[in-house]
Amino acid sequence: MKIKKICAALALGGLVLALTACGNSGSSSSKAASAVQPTSQNGKYVPNPTGKPMSEDLKDQLESLHEKEAKSIDTIKELPAGSNKGKKIMIAYFTWGGITGEVAHSIQQKIGGDIYEIKRDPDYSKEYNAVLKEAAAETDSNARPKLAGIQPDLKQYDVLVLGYPAWWFTAPMVIPSFLEQQDLKGKLIVPFMCSYSSPIEVTIPAIAAAAPGAKIFQGLTLDANTSYNVIDPWLTKAGLM
């Protein structure tokens, strides 16, 4: 089954927000020399270093920048099949339109583990224009919005499967809010993203900066033309099936 119809229905502004929700790849010396170092301020990754208010006009510039930043980050490409089965797994997700949540629950049915929904306090607006402005303002100010409810203690887990949409060409700011509260050193983060247009690589710098010392598996992008059939092979490569 493809997610084309539901992704298209939930994409805000088409290209602006998609609210749908073997080992390490070593860095060569040439790769390190050409890598773009992510901009940081007060020790925190800056998703919009342009100095301009967030708009769709920045799409090409920011996506290109974030993809270049991502190339400097080692991600795990493949693990032995089943190597993470039996380990303690947390599936945490943030969803706005509902699609990311559906995918998260589908993954839980496949691999087990606990599941947790990340929510902002107060919740984001359910109205398109309002949430568009909220998300832009948070990204521009590099905000760490307050999270709702009691946060899980991830120390007891070995693997964090993390789901989210693409907002303004990066991860929603609730994601660094969630990750920065945790000690994820040595943990495996397996990210997936529901996006109408952006690739998951644009979010990896934000994830890596918010979870220093964590091992990051290559992410999965579920876009408008992606079949859910890609999920099982991806989970297998992550050693979860």
Protein backbone atom coordinates (compact mmCIF):
# COMPACT_ATOMS: atom_id res chain seq x y z
CA MET A 1 0.00 0.00 0.00
CA LYS A 2 1.33 3.43 -0.89
CA ILE A 3 0.91 6.47 1.30
CA LYS A 4 0.52 8.85 -1.60
CA LYS A 5 -3.08 9.88 -0.98
CA ILE A 6 -2.82 10.37 2.75
CA CYS A 7 0.53 12.14 2.54
CA ALA A 8 -0.77 14.48 -0.11
CA ALA A 9 -3.84 15.24 1.96
CA LEU A 10 -1.78 16.12 5.00
CA ALA A 11 1.13 17.99 3.43
CA LEU A 12 1.09 21.62 4.47
CA GLY A 13 1.90 23.83 1.57
CA GLY A 14 3.12 20.88 -0.47
CA LEU A 15 6.84 21.60 -0.10
CA VAL A 16 6.86 23.39 3.24
CA LEU A 17 5.70 20.96 5.90
CA ALA A 18 5.07 17.25 5.62
CA LEU A 19 3.03 16.68 8.73
CA THR A 20 2.03 13.22 7.97
CA ALA A 21 3.73 12.61 9.73
CA CYS A 22 27.18 -4.46 8.56
CA GLY A 23 28.72 -1.46 10.54
CA ASN A 24 29.60 2.18 10.54
CA SER A 25 30.33 4.02 7.34
CA GLY A 26 33.71 5.47 8.17
CA SER A 27 34.60 9.01 7.19
CA SER A 28 37.52 9.28 4.79
CA SER A 29 40.01 12.10 5.17
CA SER A 30 38.72 13.71 1.99
CA LYS A 31 35.19 13.46 3.28
CA ALA A 32 36.16 15.09 6.55
CA ALA A 33 38.01 17.83 4.76
CA SER A 34 35.01 18.73 2.59
CA ALA A 35 32.35 18.31 5.27
CA VAL A 36 30.26 21.28 6.28
CA GLN A 37 30.38 21.78 10.04
CA PRO A 38 26.91 22.36 11.49
CA THR A 39 26.31 25.80 12.97
CA SER A 40 25.81 25.78 16.73
CA GLN A 41 24.94 28.38 19.35
CA ASN A 42 25.33 27.85 23.08
CA GLY A 43 26.16 24.25 22.27
CA LYS A 44 22.92 23.66 20.36
CA TYR A 45 22.51 22.94 16.66
CA VAL A 46 21.05 25.83 14.66
CA PRO A 47 18.59 24.63 11.98
CA ASN A 48 18.25 28.03 10.27
CA PRO A 49 21.59 29.87 10.26
CA THR A 50 20.64 32.15 7.34
CA GLY A 51 19.53 35.09 9.51
CA LYS A 52 16.35 35.26 7.41
CA PRO A 53 12.83 34.39 8.62
CA MET A 54 11.85 30.88 7.63
CA SER A 55 10.02 30.64 4.34
CA GLU A 56 9.73 28.29 1.42
CA ASP A 57 12.20 30.53 -0.41
CA LEU A 58 14.91 29.02 1.84
CA LYS A 59 14.03 25.42 0.93
CA ASP A 60 16.85 24.76 -1.56
CA GLN A 61 19.44 26.59 0.53
CA LEU A 62 18.60 24.87 3.82
CA GLU A 63 18.04 21.39 2.40
CA SER A 64 21.39 21.58 0.60
CA LEU A 65 23.10 22.82 3.77
CA HIS A 66 21.57 20.14 5.99
CA GLU A 67 22.39 17.37 3.51
CA LYS A 68 26.04 18.54 3.41
CA GLU A 69 26.10 18.62 7.22
CA ALA A 70 24.69 15.09 7.30
CA LYS A 71 27.61 13.81 5.21
CA SER A 72 29.95 14.59 8.10
CA ILE A 73 27.96 12.32 10.42
CA ASP A 74 28.71 8.59 10.52
CA THR A 75 25.58 6.50 10.31
CA ILE A 76 25.27 2.74 10.48
CA LYS A 77 24.24 1.26 7.15
CA GLU A 78 23.50 -2.34 8.13
CA LEU A 79 23.57 -4.63 11.15
CA PRO A 80 23.33 -8.43 11.24
CA ALA A 81 19.75 -9.58 10.84
CA GLY A 82 18.13 -10.17 14.21
CA SER A 83 21.06 -8.73 16.16
CA ASN A 84 18.76 -6.35 18.05
CA LYS A 85 15.88 -8.75 18.56
CA GLY A 86 15.30 -9.36 22.25
CA LYS A 87 16.80 -6.03 23.24
CA LYS A 88 14.78 -3.36 25.01
CA ILE A 89 13.14 -1.18 22.38
CA MET A 90 11.33 2.14 22.67
CA ILE A 91 9.36 3.46 19.71
CA ALA A 92 8.85 7.19 20.21
CA TYR A 93 7.09 9.37 17.69
CA PHE A 94 5.74 12.84 17.09
CA THR A 95 2.78 13.16 14.75
CA TRP A 96 0.58 16.02 13.61
CA GLY A 97 -1.59 14.61 10.85
CA GLY A 98 -1.56 11.06 12.23
CA ILE A 99 0.47 9.24 9.60
CA THR A 100 3.71 9.05 11.62
CA GLY A 101 1.72 7.58 14.50
CA GLU A 102 0.18 4.95 12.24
CA VAL A 103 3.62 3.93 11.00
CA ALA A 104 4.98 3.82 14.56
CA HIS A 105 2.22 1.48 15.72
CA SER A 106 2.72 -0.68 12.64
CA ILE A 107 6.42 -0.97 13.50
CA GLN A 108 5.56 -1.93 17.08
CA GLN A 109 3.38 -4.76 15.78
CA LYS A 110 6.36 -6.04 13.81
CA ILE A 111 9.16 -5.76 16.41
CA GLY A 112 7.45 -5.31 19.77
CA GLY A 113 8.77 -2.88 22.35
CA ASP A 114 7.17 0.02 24.17
CA ILE A 115 5.64 2.99 22.40
CA TYR A 116 5.44 6.65 23.37
CA GLU A 117 3.88 9.67 21.68
CA ILE A 118 5.84 12.92 21.95
CA LYS A 119 3.54 15.91 22.47
CA ARG A 120 4.08 19.62 22.97
CA ASP A 121 2.56 21.53 25.89
CA PRO A 122 0.44 23.25 24.75
CA ASP A 123 -0.32 21.15 21.70
CA TYR A 124 0.25 22.59 18.25
CA SER A 125 -2.67 24.18 16.50
CA LYS A 126 -4.80 21.88 14.39
CA GLU A 127 -5.27 24.67 11.85
CA TYR A 128 -2.93 24.80 8.88
CA ASN A 129 -1.89 28.45 8.81
CA ALA A 130 -1.47 28.61 12.58
CA VAL A 131 0.79 25.56 12.88
CA LEU A 132 2.79 26.77 9.89
CA LYS A 133 3.62 29.96 11.79
CA GLU A 134 4.22 28.13 15.07
CA ALA A 135 6.70 25.75 13.50
CA ALA A 136 8.51 28.54 11.64
CA ALA A 137 8.84 30.65 14.78
CA GLU A 138 10.23 27.70 16.77
CA THR A 139 12.77 26.88 14.07
CA ASP A 140 13.89 30.49 13.65
CA SER A 141 14.43 30.91 17.40
CA ASN A 142 15.91 27.41 17.83
CA ALA A 143 13.30 26.90 20.53
CA ARG A 144 13.02 23.92 22.85
CA PRO A 145 9.26 23.74 23.37
CA LYS A 146 7.90 22.28 26.59
CA LEU A 147 6.74 18.69 26.29
CA ALA A 148 3.49 17.35 27.65
CA GLY A 149 3.23 14.57 30.21
CA ILE A 150 5.83 12.48 31.97
CA GLN A 151 8.83 11.75 29.78
CA PRO A 152 10.08 8.14 29.57
CA ASP A 153 13.50 7.27 30.97
CA LEU A 154 15.40 5.92 28.00
CA LYS A 155 18.32 4.64 30.07
CA GLN A 156 16.58 1.27 30.33
CA TYR A 157 16.33 0.90 26.54
CA ASP A 158 18.92 -0.28 24.03
CA VAL A 159 17.21 0.92 20.86
CA LEU A 160 15.17 4.04 20.14
CA VAL A 161 13.06 3.90 17.00
CA LEU A 162 12.23 7.57 16.41
CA GLY A 163 9.51 8.83 14.09
CA TYR A 164 8.60 12.36 13.05
CA PRO A 165 7.57 14.47 10.04
CA ALA A 166 9.72 17.05 8.26
CA TRP A 167 8.94 20.61 9.37
CA TRP A 168 10.65 23.47 7.62
CA PHE A 169 13.36 21.24 6.17
CA THR A 170 14.46 19.82 9.53
CA ALA A 171 13.04 17.84 12.43
CA PRO A 172 10.26 19.50 14.45
CA MET A 173 11.71 21.32 17.45
CA VAL A 174 9.93 18.96 19.85
CA ILE A 175 12.41 16.29 18.74
CA PRO A 176 15.53 18.00 20.15
CA SER A 177 13.43 18.90 23.20
CA PHE A 178 12.77 15.20 23.70
CA LEU A 179 16.25 13.91 22.94
CA GLU A 180 18.22 16.48 24.92
CA GLN A 181 16.49 15.41 28.13
CA GLN A 182 17.93 11.92 27.77
CA ASP A 183 21.34 10.28 28.08
CA LEU A 184 21.55 8.38 24.82
CA LYS A 185 25.28 7.71 24.73
CA GLY A 186 25.85 4.25 23.27
CA LYS A 187 22.18 3.81 22.37
CA LEU A 188 21.05 2.97 18.84
CA ILE A 189 18.67 5.49 17.26
CA VAL A 190 16.71 4.21 14.27
CA PRO A 191 14.92 7.20 12.71
CA PHE A 192 12.09 7.29 10.21
CA MET A 193 10.33 10.28 8.72
CA CYS A 194 7.05 10.85 6.91
CA SER A 195 7.65 13.64 4.43
CA TYR A 196 5.97 14.90 1.30
CA SER A 197 9.16 16.31 -0.17
CA SER A 198 12.21 16.45 2.10
CA PRO A 199 14.64 13.51 2.54
CA ILE A 200 15.44 12.31 6.05
CA GLU A 201 19.07 13.42 5.64
CA VAL A 202 18.00 17.03 6.29
CA THR A 203 17.03 16.03 9.85
CA ILE A 204 20.09 13.94 10.78
CA PRO A 205 22.27 16.87 11.95
CA ALA A 206 19.56 17.90 14.44
CA ILE A 207 19.20 14.32 15.70
CA ALA A 208 22.95 13.81 16.07
CA ALA A 209 23.45 17.13 17.87
CA ALA A 210 20.62 16.41 20.31
CA ALA A 211 21.88 12.90 21.12
CA PRO A 212 25.69 13.10 21.46
CA GLY A 213 27.35 9.71 21.68
CA ALA A 214 24.37 7.85 20.24
CA LYS A 215 24.76 5.47 17.32
CA ILE A 216 22.50 6.52 14.44
CA PHE A 217 21.19 4.02 11.93
CA GLN A 218 20.47 5.19 8.40
CA GLY A 219 17.02 6.73 8.33
CA LEU A 220 13.98 5.83 6.29
CA THR A 221 11.94 8.41 4.39
CA LEU A 222 8.32 7.57 3.69
CA ASP A 223 7.23 10.01 1.04
CA ALA A 224 4.21 10.35 -1.20
CA ASN A 225 5.30 7.50 -3.49
CA THR A 226 6.79 5.11 -0.93
CA SER A 227 5.35 1.67 -0.40
CA TYR A 228 5.06 0.37 3.12
CA ASN A 229 6.88 -2.70 1.80
CA VAL A 230 10.17 -0.86 2.37
CA ILE A 231 9.70 -0.93 6.15
CA ASP A 232 10.48 -4.62 6.74
CA PRO A 233 13.80 -4.63 4.82
CA TRP A 234 14.82 -1.46 6.67
CA LEU A 235 14.00 -3.00 10.06
CA THR A 236 15.92 -6.14 9.03
CA LYS A 237 19.00 -4.06 8.17
CA ALA A 238 18.69 -2.43 11.59
CA GLY A 239 18.84 -5.91 13.19
CA LEU A 240 15.27 -5.54 14.48
CA MET A 241 13.79 -8.37 12.42
